[in-house]
Amino acid sequence: MQGNKKFLIRDRIKSFKYAFNGLRIFFSEEHNARIHVAAAILALGLAFYLELASFEWIAILMAIALVFIAEIFNTSVEKLADVVSPTLHPKIKIVKDLAAAAVLITAFLAVLIAGIIFLPKLFLL
């Protein structure tokens, strides 16, 4: 690690390039990302249709972002674990299962938030 590296705008722009490449890889190569995109589009469409209040929009957008973030970290852990241990290993399985559990909890939270916000409005229709 370099301690005295100068701050350069060019390097900061490169870091955005790497981040956008990571998003491209995630959305083009990961099947679960497509499922999350479909769920997000459904939630956003319903949010527009039901004319959510600002705080409701914030909750929906945060839930969507958290699911994507959890899935990206899960994918990262899985890819790294596959490099560290290409063959089946019981401890690597535990690591992968824990990362997947984080996505599951986040997805459950997103469904719960959607239910709290959308269901009362849908029952009024």
Protein backbone atom coordinates (compact mmCIF):
# COMPACT_ATOMS: atom_id res chain seq x y z
CA MET A 1 0.00 0.00 0.00
CA GLN A 2 1.39 3.37 -0.99
CA GLY A 3 1.17 5.98 1.77
CA ASN A 4 2.32 9.10 -0.12
CA LYS A 5 0.43 8.70 -3.37
CA LYS A 6 -0.71 12.04 -4.78
CA PHE A 7 -4.37 12.85 -5.26
CA LEU A 8 -5.06 12.88 -8.97
CA ILE A 9 -8.42 13.53 -10.63
CA ARG A 10 -7.47 11.06 -13.36
CA ASP A 11 -7.14 8.29 -10.75
CA ARG A 12 -10.50 9.18 -9.22
CA ILE A 13 -12.14 9.02 -12.67
CA LYS A 14 -10.54 5.58 -13.20
CA SER A 15 -12.09 4.38 -9.94
CA PHE A 16 -15.53 5.29 -11.33
CA LYS A 17 -14.69 3.33 -14.47
CA TYR A 18 -13.91 0.25 -12.36
CA ALA A 19 -17.12 0.67 -10.37
CA PHE A 20 -19.26 0.98 -13.51
CA ASN A 21 -17.48 -2.08 -14.94
CA GLY A 22 -18.45 -3.96 -11.78
CA LEU A 23 -22.09 -2.95 -12.30
CA ARG A 24 -21.91 -4.04 -15.93
CA ILE A 25 -20.52 -7.43 -14.92
CA PHE A 26 -23.11 -7.82 -12.18
CA PHE A 27 -26.12 -7.00 -14.34
CA SER A 28 -24.95 -8.86 -17.45
CA GLU A 29 -23.60 -12.05 -15.85
CA GLU A 30 -25.57 -12.66 -12.66
CA HIS A 31 -28.99 -14.29 -13.00
CA ASN A 32 -30.12 -13.10 -9.56
CA ALA A 33 -29.42 -9.52 -10.59
CA ARG A 34 -32.05 -9.87 -13.32
CA ILE A 35 -34.58 -11.14 -10.80
CA HIS A 36 -33.84 -8.16 -8.54
CA VAL A 37 -34.16 -5.77 -11.50
CA ALA A 38 -37.58 -7.23 -12.34
CA ALA A 39 -38.72 -6.86 -8.72
CA ALA A 40 -37.35 -3.30 -8.58
CA ILE A 41 -39.16 -2.33 -11.79
CA LEU A 42 -42.39 -3.78 -10.41
CA ALA A 43 -41.97 -1.89 -7.12
CA LEU A 44 -41.09 1.38 -8.86
CA GLY A 45 -44.03 1.05 -11.26
CA LEU A 46 -46.38 0.43 -8.35
CA ALA A 47 -44.85 3.35 -6.46
CA PHE A 48 -45.53 5.68 -9.40
CA TYR A 49 -49.06 4.33 -9.82
CA LEU A 50 -49.90 4.73 -6.13
CA GLU A 51 -48.28 8.19 -5.94
CA LEU A 52 -46.21 7.49 -2.85
CA ALA A 53 -45.25 10.17 -0.37
CA SER A 54 -41.61 11.25 -0.17
CA PHE A 55 -40.78 9.16 2.90
CA GLU A 56 -42.37 6.12 1.27
CA TRP A 57 -40.25 6.65 -1.85
CA ILE A 58 -37.16 6.85 0.35
CA ALA A 59 -38.03 3.55 2.04
CA ILE A 60 -38.68 1.78 -1.29
CA LEU A 61 -35.50 3.14 -2.89
CA MET A 62 -33.41 2.22 0.15
CA ALA A 63 -34.85 -1.29 0.18
CA ILE A 64 -34.08 -1.74 -3.52
CA ALA A 65 -30.53 -0.42 -3.06
CA LEU A 66 -29.90 -2.65 -0.04
CA VAL A 67 -30.95 -5.76 -1.96
CA PHE A 68 -28.61 -4.88 -4.83
CA ILE A 69 -25.76 -4.09 -2.43
CA ALA A 70 -26.24 -7.37 -0.55
CA GLU A 71 -26.36 -9.33 -3.81
CA ILE A 72 -23.21 -7.62 -5.12
CA PHE A 73 -21.35 -8.47 -1.90
CA ASN A 74 -22.66 -12.03 -2.05
CA THR A 75 -21.49 -12.38 -5.64
CA SER A 76 -18.08 -10.98 -4.68
CA VAL A 77 -17.70 -13.42 -1.81
CA GLU A 78 -18.72 -16.34 -4.03
CA LYS A 79 -16.26 -15.38 -6.80
CA LEU A 80 -13.42 -14.91 -4.30
CA ALA A 81 -14.26 -18.18 -2.54
CA ASP A 82 -14.17 -20.01 -5.88
CA VAL A 83 -10.63 -18.72 -6.47
CA VAL A 84 -9.46 -19.53 -2.95
CA SER A 85 -10.96 -23.02 -3.01
CA PRO A 86 -11.95 -24.27 -6.49
CA THR A 87 -12.95 -27.63 -5.01
CA LEU A 88 -15.73 -28.15 -2.51
CA HIS A 89 -14.64 -27.26 1.00
CA PRO A 90 -16.96 -27.30 4.05
CA LYS A 91 -15.69 -23.97 5.41
CA ILE A 92 -16.02 -22.24 2.04
CA LYS A 93 -19.58 -23.58 1.85
CA ILE A 94 -20.30 -21.94 5.21
CA VAL A 95 -18.89 -18.61 3.97
CA LYS A 96 -21.01 -18.78 0.81
CA ASP A 97 -24.12 -19.76 2.76
CA LEU A 98 -23.63 -16.85 5.16
CA ALA A 99 -23.29 -14.39 2.29
CA ALA A 100 -26.44 -15.81 0.69
CA ALA A 101 -28.25 -15.49 4.03
CA ALA A 102 -27.46 -11.77 4.04
CA VAL A 103 -29.18 -11.42 0.67
CA LEU A 104 -32.16 -13.43 1.91
CA ILE A 105 -32.60 -11.25 4.99
CA THR A 106 -32.31 -8.10 2.89
CA ALA A 107 -34.84 -9.40 0.37
CA PHE A 108 -37.26 -10.31 3.20
CA LEU A 109 -36.84 -6.80 4.58
CA ALA A 110 -37.59 -5.32 1.15
CA VAL A 111 -40.75 -7.43 0.84
CA LEU A 112 -41.82 -6.38 4.34
CA ILE A 113 -41.28 -2.69 3.54
CA ALA A 114 -43.19 -3.09 0.27
CA GLY A 115 -46.03 -4.78 2.11
CA ILE A 116 -46.24 -2.07 4.75
CA ILE A 117 -46.31 0.65 2.10
CA PHE A 118 -48.25 -0.94 -0.77
CA LEU A 119 -50.86 -3.20 0.84
CA PRO A 120 -52.90 -0.52 2.65
CA LYS A 121 -52.98 1.57 -0.54
CA LEU A 122 -53.96 -1.40 -2.69
CA PHE A 123 -56.80 -2.35 -0.32
CA LEU A 124 -58.21 1.17 -0.72
CA LEU A 125 -58.49 0.80 -4.51
